Amino acid sequence: MSASQQTQQLTFLQEKIEQIGSAIFFNQSESVLKLPTSLVSNIKVDDFGYMWFFVQKPKQNLQEFDNEFPVRMDFFKKGLITFCR
């Protein structure tokens, strides 16, 4: 895939995610202690393709959680035909 195609795909995803604006965050870790499923908003996709967003801080000490873990995010906005998983 050429750099131009990658840039075009990234731009498309950035626009769609900005248009939708929120997603359901699912932590798919096998850990006993993990961040709960939650609604996230103010999602930004940077020029490297990383998504940035905030989740509500859990009551437990953050050092007890895994630093990295797999997630699934379902993007959907009522009234829009577009969705992304």
PDB file of N, CA and C in Angstrom:
ATOM      1  N   MET A   1       0.848  -1.175   0.000  1.00  0.00           N
ATOM      2  CA  MET A   1       0.000   0.000   0.000  1.00  0.00           C
ATOM      3  C   MET A   1       0.894   1.239   0.000  1.00  0.00           C
ATOM      4  N   SER A   2       0.575   2.166  -0.859  1.00  0.00           N
ATOM      5  CA  SER A   2       1.394   3.373  -0.970  1.00  0.00           C
ATOM      6  C   SER A   2       1.115   4.335   0.178  1.00  0.00           C
ATOM      7  N   ALA A   3       2.043   5.253   0.383  1.00  0.00           N
ATOM      8  CA  ALA A   3       1.887   6.259   1.444  1.00  0.00           C
ATOM      9  C   ALA A   3       0.657   7.116   1.189  1.00  0.00           C
ATOM     10  N   SER A   4       0.371   7.397  -0.066  1.00  0.00           N
ATOM     11  CA  SER A   4      -0.805   8.201  -0.423  1.00  0.00           C
ATOM     12  C   SER A   4      -2.098   7.486  -0.035  1.00  0.00           C
ATOM     13  N   GLN A   5      -2.158   6.179  -0.278  1.00  0.00           N
ATOM     14  CA  GLN A   5      -3.342   5.398   0.089  1.00  0.00           C
ATOM     15  C   GLN A   5      -3.510   5.343   1.605  1.00  0.00           C
ATOM     16  N   GLN A   6      -2.401   5.174   2.328  1.00  0.00           N
ATOM     17  CA  GLN A   6      -2.461   5.140   3.787  1.00  0.00           C
ATOM     18  C   GLN A   6      -2.963   6.465   4.339  1.00  0.00           C
ATOM     19  N   THR A   7      -2.463   7.562   3.795  1.00  0.00           N
ATOM     20  CA  THR A   7      -2.895   8.889   4.230  1.00  0.00           C
ATOM     21  C   THR A   7      -4.375   9.090   3.938  1.00  0.00           C
ATOM     22  N   GLN A   8      -4.811   8.636   2.778  1.00  0.00           N
ATOM     23  CA  GLN A   8      -6.214   8.763   2.394  1.00  0.00           C
ATOM     24  C   GLN A   8      -7.106   7.953   3.340  1.00  0.00           C
ATOM     25  N   GLN A   9      -6.700   6.735   3.684  1.00  0.00           N
ATOM     26  CA  GLN A   9      -7.475   5.901   4.599  1.00  0.00           C
ATOM     27  C   GLN A   9      -7.518   6.514   5.998  1.00  0.00           C
ATOM     28  N   LEU A  10      -6.384   7.030   6.463  1.00  0.00           N
ATOM     29  CA  LEU A  10      -6.329   7.654   7.782  1.00  0.00           C
ATOM     30  C   LEU A  10      -7.228   8.881   7.827  1.00  0.00           C
ATOM     31  N   THR A  11      -7.194   9.691   6.789  1.00  0.00           N
ATOM     32  CA  THR A  11      -8.043  10.880   6.725  1.00  0.00           C
ATOM     33  C   THR A  11      -9.515  10.489   6.752  1.00  0.00           C
ATOM     34  N   PHE A  12      -9.870   9.435   6.027  1.00  0.00           N
ATOM     35  CA  PHE A  12     -11.251   8.950   6.021  1.00  0.00           C
ATOM     36  C   PHE A  12     -11.686   8.544   7.429  1.00  0.00           C
ATOM     37  N   LEU A  13     -10.841   7.759   8.123  1.00  0.00           N
ATOM     38  CA  LEU A  13     -11.171   7.330   9.488  1.00  0.00           C
ATOM     39  C   LEU A  13     -11.258   8.515  10.447  1.00  0.00           C
ATOM     40  N   GLN A  14     -10.335   9.456  10.340  1.00  0.00           N
ATOM     41  CA  GLN A  14     -10.371  10.643  11.200  1.00  0.00           C
ATOM     42  C   GLN A  14     -11.686  11.392  11.022  1.00  0.00           C
ATOM     43  N   GLU A  15     -12.117  11.573   9.788  1.00  0.00           N
ATOM     44  CA  GLU A  15     -13.361  12.297   9.517  1.00  0.00           C
ATOM     45  C   GLU A  15     -14.574  11.555  10.058  1.00  0.00           C
ATOM     46  N   LYS A  16     -14.639  10.241   9.856  1.00  0.00           N
ATOM     47  CA  LYS A  16     -15.785   9.453  10.324  1.00  0.00           C
ATOM     48  C   LYS A  16     -15.858   9.434  11.847  1.00  0.00           C
ATOM     49  N   ILE A  17     -14.724   9.244  12.508  1.00  0.00           N
ATOM     50  CA  ILE A  17     -14.709   9.208  13.971  1.00  0.00           C
ATOM     51  C   ILE A  17     -15.096  10.563  14.537  1.00  0.00           C
ATOM     52  N   GLU A  18     -14.616  11.647  13.921  1.00  0.00           N
ATOM     53  CA  GLU A  18     -14.995  12.988  14.368  1.00  0.00           C
ATOM     54  C   GLU A  18     -16.488  13.228  14.148  1.00  0.00           C
ATOM     55  N   GLN A  19     -17.020  12.750  13.036  1.00  0.00           N
ATOM     56  CA  GLN A  19     -18.440  12.910  12.728  1.00  0.00           C
ATOM     57  C   GLN A  19     -19.307  12.155  13.738  1.00  0.00           C
ATOM     58  N   ILE A  20     -18.909  10.944  14.077  1.00  0.00           N
ATOM     59  CA  ILE A  20     -19.688  10.133  15.021  1.00  0.00           C
ATOM     60  C   ILE A  20     -19.529  10.676  16.434  1.00  0.00           C
ATOM     61  N   GLY A  21     -18.309  10.945  16.862  1.00  0.00           N
ATOM     62  CA  GLY A  21     -18.063  11.655  18.110  1.00  0.00           C
ATOM     63  C   GLY A  21     -18.021  10.863  19.399  1.00  0.00           C
ATOM     64  N   SER A  22     -18.565   9.655  19.428  1.00  0.00           N
ATOM     65  CA  SER A  22     -18.521   8.875  20.666  1.00  0.00           C
ATOM     66  C   SER A  22     -18.508   7.385  20.329  1.00  0.00           C
ATOM     67  N   ALA A  23     -18.119   6.588  21.321  1.00  0.00           N
ATOM     68  CA  ALA A  23     -18.039   5.143  21.118  1.00  0.00           C
ATOM     69  C   ALA A  23     -18.241   4.431  22.450  1.00  0.00           C
ATOM     70  N   ILE A  24     -18.594   3.164  22.353  1.00  0.00           N
ATOM     71  CA  ILE A  24     -18.635   2.315  23.545  1.00  0.00           C
ATOM     72  C   ILE A  24     -17.287   1.605  23.619  1.00  0.00           C
ATOM     73  N   PHE A  25     -16.629   1.743  24.764  1.00  0.00           N
ATOM     74  CA  PHE A  25     -15.291   1.203  25.016  1.00  0.00           C
ATOM     75  C   PHE A  25     -15.451  -0.130  25.746  1.00  0.00           C
ATOM     76  N   PHE A  26     -14.934  -1.206  25.150  1.00  0.00           N
ATOM     77  CA  PHE A  26     -14.962  -2.534  25.762  1.00  0.00           C
ATOM     78  C   PHE A  26     -13.533  -2.980  26.040  1.00  0.00           C
ATOM     79  N   ASN A  27     -13.198  -3.216  27.299  1.00  0.00           N
ATOM     80  CA  ASN A  27     -11.889  -3.748  27.668  1.00  0.00           C
ATOM     81  C   ASN A  27     -11.930  -5.254  27.444  1.00  0.00           C
ATOM     82  N   GLN A  28     -11.060  -5.775  26.592  1.00  0.00           N
ATOM     83  CA  GLN A  28     -11.064  -7.199  26.271  1.00  0.00           C
ATOM     84  C   GLN A  28      -9.913  -7.953  26.926  1.00  0.00           C
ATOM     85  N   SER A  29      -9.396  -7.397  27.997  1.00  0.00           N
ATOM     86  CA  SER A  29      -8.321  -8.027  28.748  1.00  0.00           C
ATOM     87  C   SER A  29      -8.855  -9.245  29.499  1.00  0.00           C
ATOM     88  N   GLU A  30      -7.969 -10.182  29.763  1.00  0.00           N
ATOM     89  CA  GLU A  30      -8.314 -11.357  30.565  1.00  0.00           C
ATOM     90  C   GLU A  30      -8.060 -11.113  32.053  1.00  0.00           C
ATOM     91  N   SER A  31      -7.589  -9.927  32.407  1.00  0.00           N
ATOM     92  CA  SER A  31      -7.271  -9.604  33.796  1.00  0.00           C
ATOM     93  C   SER A  31      -8.520  -9.597  34.668  1.00  0.00           C
ATOM     94  N   VAL A  32      -8.323  -9.876  35.940  1.00  0.00           N
ATOM     95  CA  VAL A  32      -9.423  -9.827  36.899  1.00  0.00           C
ATOM     96  C   VAL A  32      -9.855  -8.381  37.115  1.00  0.00           C
ATOM     97  N   LEU A  33      -8.893  -7.484  37.241  1.00  0.00           N
ATOM     98  CA  LEU A  33      -9.175  -6.063  37.447  1.00  0.00           C
ATOM     99  C   LEU A  33      -8.966  -5.332  36.128  1.00  0.00           C
ATOM    100  N   LYS A  34     -10.041  -4.783  35.587  1.00  0.00           N
ATOM    101  CA  LYS A  34      -9.927  -4.082  34.311  1.00  0.00           C
ATOM    102  C   LYS A  34     -10.903  -2.917  34.252  1.00  0.00           C
ATOM    103  N   LEU A  35     -10.599  -1.962  33.380  1.00  0.00           N
ATOM    104  CA  LEU A  35     -11.481  -0.817  33.214  1.00  0.00           C
ATOM    105  C   LEU A  35     -12.837  -1.304  32.717  1.00  0.00           C
ATOM    106  N   PRO A  36     -13.916  -0.744  33.239  1.00  0.00           N
ATOM    107  CA  PRO A  36     -15.249  -1.206  32.845  1.00  0.00           C
ATOM    108  C   PRO A  36     -15.653  -0.698  31.461  1.00  0.00           C
ATOM    109  N   THR A  37     -16.618  -1.357  30.876  1.00  0.00           N
ATOM    110  CA  THR A  37     -17.223  -0.882  29.637  1.00  0.00           C
ATOM    111  C   THR A  37     -17.810   0.492  29.901  1.00  0.00           C
ATOM    112  N   SER A  38     -17.550   1.430  28.997  1.00  0.00           N
ATOM    113  CA  SER A  38     -18.041   2.788  29.220  1.00  0.00           C
ATOM    114  C   SER A  38     -18.198   3.528  27.900  1.00  0.00           C
ATOM    115  N   LEU A  39     -18.929   4.621  27.953  1.00  0.00           N
ATOM    116  CA  LEU A  39     -19.103   5.499  26.808  1.00  0.00           C
ATOM    117  C   LEU A  39     -17.972   6.513  26.814  1.00  0.00           C
ATOM    118  N   VAL A  40     -17.281   6.655  25.693  1.00  0.00           N
ATOM    119  CA  VAL A  40     -16.202   7.637  25.588  1.00  0.00           C
ATOM    120  C   VAL A  40     -16.554   8.645  24.502  1.00  0.00           C
ATOM    121  N   SER A  41     -16.082   9.867  24.706  1.00  0.00           N
ATOM    122  CA  SER A  41     -16.313  10.913  23.713  1.00  0.00           C
ATOM    123  C   SER A  41     -15.054  11.762  23.601  1.00  0.00           C
ATOM    124  N   ASN A  42     -15.130  12.821  22.818  1.00  0.00           N
ATOM    125  CA  ASN A  42     -13.967  13.672  22.549  1.00  0.00           C
ATOM    126  C   ASN A  42     -12.801  12.837  22.020  1.00  0.00           C
ATOM    127  N   ILE A  43     -13.110  11.970  21.084  1.00  0.00           N
ATOM    128  CA  ILE A  43     -12.116  11.072  20.510  1.00  0.00           C
ATOM    129  C   ILE A  43     -11.350  11.809  19.419  1.00  0.00           C
ATOM    130  N   LYS A  44     -10.027  11.693  19.473  1.00  0.00           N
ATOM    131  CA  LYS A  44      -9.169  12.308  18.459  1.00  0.00           C
ATOM    132  C   LYS A  44      -8.277  11.228  17.874  1.00  0.00           C
ATOM    133  N   VAL A  45      -8.138  11.238  16.567  1.00  0.00           N
ATOM    134  CA  VAL A  45      -7.208  10.343  15.889  1.00  0.00           C
ATOM    135  C   VAL A  45      -6.055  11.203  15.388  1.00  0.00           C
ATOM    136  N   ASP A  46      -4.841  10.905  15.881  1.00  0.00           N
ATOM    137  CA  ASP A  46      -3.693  11.722  15.473  1.00  0.00           C
ATOM    138  C   ASP A  46      -3.157  11.277  14.111  1.00  0.00           C
ATOM    139  N   ASP A  47      -2.113  11.931  13.655  1.00  0.00           N
ATOM    140  CA  ASP A  47      -1.557  11.669  12.324  1.00  0.00           C
ATOM    141  C   ASP A  47      -0.856  10.317  12.215  1.00  0.00           C
ATOM    142  N   PHE A  48      -0.643   9.644  13.338  1.00  0.00           N
ATOM    143  CA  PHE A  48      -0.038   8.318  13.334  1.00  0.00           C
ATOM    144  C   PHE A  48      -1.089   7.214  13.418  1.00  0.00           C
ATOM    145  N   GLY A  49      -2.368   7.601  13.556  1.00  0.00           N
ATOM    146  CA  GLY A  49      -3.451   6.630  13.631  1.00  0.00           C
ATOM    147  C   GLY A  49      -3.819   6.217  15.045  1.00  0.00           C
ATOM    148  N   TYR A  50      -3.199   6.831  16.054  1.00  0.00           N
ATOM    149  CA  TYR A  50      -3.543   6.526  17.440  1.00  0.00           C
ATOM    150  C   TYR A  50      -4.800   7.291  17.839  1.00  0.00           C
ATOM    151  N   MET A  51      -5.697   6.615  18.565  1.00  0.00           N
ATOM    152  CA  MET A  51      -6.904   7.273  19.070  1.00  0.00           C
ATOM    153  C   MET A  51      -6.667   7.727  20.499  1.00  0.00           C
ATOM    154  N   TRP A  52      -7.083   8.948  20.791  1.00  0.00           N
ATOM    155  CA  TRP A  52      -6.934   9.534  22.118  1.00  0.00           C
ATOM    156  C   TRP A  52      -8.321   9.865  22.654  1.00  0.00           C
ATOM    157  N   PHE A  53      -8.569   9.476  23.896  1.00  0.00           N
ATOM    158  CA  PHE A  53      -9.865   9.734  24.515  1.00  0.00           C
ATOM    159  C   PHE A  53      -9.715   9.601  26.022  1.00  0.00           C
ATOM    160  N   PHE A  54     -10.730  10.015  26.737  1.00  0.00           N
ATOM    161  CA  PHE A  54     -10.740   9.930  28.192  1.00  0.00           C
ATOM    162  C   PHE A  54     -11.770   8.911  28.642  1.00  0.00           C
ATOM    163  N   VAL A  55     -11.448   8.188  29.708  1.00  0.00           N
ATOM    164  CA  VAL A  55     -12.415   7.324  30.385  1.00  0.00           C
ATOM    165  C   VAL A  55     -12.485   7.776  31.837  1.00  0.00           C
ATOM    166  N   GLN A  56     -13.578   7.461  32.473  1.00  0.00           N
ATOM    167  CA  GLN A  56     -13.724   7.844  33.872  1.00  0.00           C
ATOM    168  C   GLN A  56     -12.739   7.053  34.730  1.00  0.00           C
ATOM    169  N   LYS A  57     -12.082   7.739  35.654  1.00  0.00           N
ATOM    170  CA  LYS A  57     -11.097   7.101  36.530  1.00  0.00           C
ATOM    171  C   LYS A  57     -11.808   6.128  37.469  1.00  0.00           C
ATOM    172  N   PRO A  58     -11.314   4.886  37.533  1.00  0.00           N
ATOM    173  CA  PRO A  58     -11.913   3.915  38.456  1.00  0.00           C
ATOM    174  C   PRO A  58     -11.562   4.236  39.907  1.00  0.00           C
ATOM    175  N   LYS A  59     -12.293   3.632  40.829  1.00  0.00           N
ATOM    176  CA  LYS A  59     -12.056   3.862  42.261  1.00  0.00           C
ATOM    177  C   LYS A  59     -10.757   3.206  42.736  1.00  0.00           C
ATOM    178  N   GLN A  60     -10.341   2.141  42.061  1.00  0.00           N
ATOM    179  CA  GLN A  60      -9.123   1.437  42.455  1.00  0.00           C
ATOM    180  C   GLN A  60      -7.882   2.250  42.063  1.00  0.00           C
ATOM    181  N   ASN A  61      -6.765   1.898  42.669  1.00  0.00           N
ATOM    182  CA  ASN A  61      -5.481   2.530  42.364  1.00  0.00           C
ATOM    183  C   ASN A  61      -5.078   2.186  40.925  1.00  0.00           C
ATOM    184  N   LEU A  62      -4.725   3.183  40.145  1.00  0.00           N
ATOM    185  CA  LEU A  62      -4.403   2.959  38.733  1.00  0.00           C
ATOM    186  C   LEU A  62      -3.201   2.040  38.536  1.00  0.00           C
ATOM    187  N   GLN A  63      -2.286   1.986  39.497  1.00  0.00           N
ATOM    188  CA  GLN A  63      -1.117   1.114  39.367  1.00  0.00           C
ATOM    189  C   GLN A  63      -1.514  -0.365  39.388  1.00  0.00           C
ATOM    190  N   GLU A  64      -2.721  -0.672  39.824  1.00  0.00           N
ATOM    191  CA  GLU A  64      -3.189  -2.058  39.888  1.00  0.00           C
ATOM    192  C   GLU A  64      -3.661  -2.575  38.524  1.00  0.00           C
ATOM    193  N   PHE A  65      -3.859  -1.683  37.565  1.00  0.00           N
ATOM    194  CA  PHE A  65      -4.357  -2.069  36.249  1.00  0.00           C
ATOM    195  C   PHE A  65      -3.200  -2.355  35.299  1.00  0.00           C
ATOM    196  N   ASP A  66      -3.485  -3.149  34.265  1.00  0.00           N
ATOM    197  CA  ASP A  66      -2.497  -3.375  33.207  1.00  0.00           C
ATOM    198  C   ASP A  66      -2.211  -2.057  32.499  1.00  0.00           C
ATOM    199  N   ASN A  67      -0.957  -1.853  32.089  1.00  0.00           N
ATOM    200  CA  ASN A  67      -0.596  -0.648  31.337  1.00  0.00           C
ATOM    201  C   ASN A  67      -1.105  -0.701  29.905  1.00  0.00           C
ATOM    202  N   GLU A  68      -1.170  -1.889  29.333  1.00  0.00           N
ATOM    203  CA  GLU A  68      -1.644  -2.086  27.968  1.00  0.00           C
ATOM    204  C   GLU A  68      -2.619  -3.246  27.962  1.00  0.00           C
ATOM    205  N   PHE A  69      -3.642  -3.147  27.137  1.00  0.00           N
ATOM    206  CA  PHE A  69      -4.631  -4.211  27.036  1.00  0.00           C
ATOM    207  C   PHE A  69      -5.434  -4.024  25.750  1.00  0.00           C
ATOM    208  N   PRO A  70      -5.976  -5.115  25.216  1.00  0.00           N
ATOM    209  CA  PRO A  70      -6.777  -4.999  23.998  1.00  0.00           C
ATOM    210  C   PRO A  70      -8.155  -4.409  24.308  1.00  0.00           C
ATOM    211  N   VAL A  71      -8.659  -3.625  23.373  1.00  0.00           N
ATOM    212  CA  VAL A  71     -10.003  -3.049  23.523  1.00  0.00           C
ATOM    213  C   VAL A  71     -10.764  -3.186  22.209  1.00  0.00           C
ATOM    214  N   ARG A  72     -12.061  -3.063  22.322  1.00  0.00           N
ATOM    215  CA  ARG A  72     -12.931  -2.934  21.154  1.00  0.00           C
ATOM    216  C   ARG A  72     -13.730  -1.666  21.350  1.00  0.00           C
ATOM    217  N   MET A  73     -13.892  -0.907  20.288  1.00  0.00           N
ATOM    218  CA  MET A  73     -14.686   0.315  20.367  1.00  0.00           C
ATOM    219  C   MET A  73     -15.739   0.273  19.273  1.00  0.00           C
ATOM    220  N   ASP A  74     -16.998   0.426  19.671  1.00  0.00           N
ATOM    221  CA  ASP A  74     -18.104   0.472  18.720  1.00  0.00           C
ATOM    222  C   ASP A  74     -18.561   1.912  18.583  1.00  0.00           C
ATOM    223  N   PHE A  75     -18.408   2.460  17.391  1.00  0.00           N
ATOM    224  CA  PHE A  75     -18.796   3.838  17.102  1.00  0.00           C
ATOM    225  C   PHE A  75     -20.178   3.827  16.460  1.00  0.00           C
ATOM    226  N   PHE A  76     -21.095   4.611  17.009  1.00  0.00           N
ATOM    227  CA  PHE A  76     -22.439   4.695  16.453  1.00  0.00           C
ATOM    228  C   PHE A  76     -23.063   5.994  16.922  1.00  0.00           C
ATOM    229  N   LYS A  77     -23.790   6.632  16.030  1.00  0.00           N
ATOM    230  CA  LYS A  77     -24.499   7.854  16.403  1.00  0.00           C
ATOM    231  C   LYS A  77     -25.910   7.773  15.847  1.00  0.00           C
ATOM    232  N   LYS A  78     -26.876   7.912  16.721  1.00  0.00           N
ATOM    233  CA  LYS A  78     -28.275   7.855  16.317  1.00  0.00           C
ATOM    234  C   LYS A  78     -28.530   8.905  15.236  1.00  0.00           C
ATOM    235  N   GLY A  79     -29.209   8.496  14.190  1.00  0.00           N
ATOM    236  CA  GLY A  79     -29.515   9.408  13.100  1.00  0.00           C
ATOM    237  C   GLY A  79     -28.519   9.369  11.959  1.00  0.00           C
ATOM    238  N   LEU A  80     -27.361   8.756  12.184  1.00  0.00           N
ATOM    239  CA  LEU A  80     -26.365   8.616  11.116  1.00  0.00           C
ATOM    240  C   LEU A  80     -26.387   7.190  10.591  1.00  0.00           C
ATOM    241  N   ILE A  81     -26.219   7.047   9.310  1.00  0.00           N
ATOM    242  CA  ILE A  81     -26.153   5.719   8.707  1.00  0.00           C
ATOM    243  C   ILE A  81     -24.785   5.096   8.980  1.00  0.00           C
ATOM    244  N   THR A  82     -23.790   5.913   9.236  1.00  0.00           N
ATOM    245  CA  THR A  82     -22.416   5.468   9.448  1.00  0.00           C
ATOM    246  C   THR A  82     -22.228   4.846  10.830  1.00  0.00           C
ATOM    247  N   PHE A  83     -21.524   3.732  10.890  1.00  0.00           N
ATOM    248  CA  PHE A  83     -21.044   3.183  12.148  1.00  0.00           C
ATOM    249  C   PHE A  83     -19.699   2.538  11.872  1.00  0.00           C
ATOM    250  N   CYS A  84     -18.927   2.334  12.905  1.00  0.00           N
ATOM    251  CA  CYS A  84     -17.591   1.772  12.747  1.00  0.00           C
ATOM    252  C   CYS A  84     -17.306   0.885  13.942  1.00  0.00           C
ATOM    253  N   ARG A  85     -16.667  -0.223  13.689  1.00  0.00           N
ATOM    254  CA  ARG A  85     -16.328  -1.136  14.773  1.00  0.00           C
ATOM    255  C   ARG A  85     -14.850  -1.424  14.712  1.00  0.00           C
TER     256      ARG A  85
END
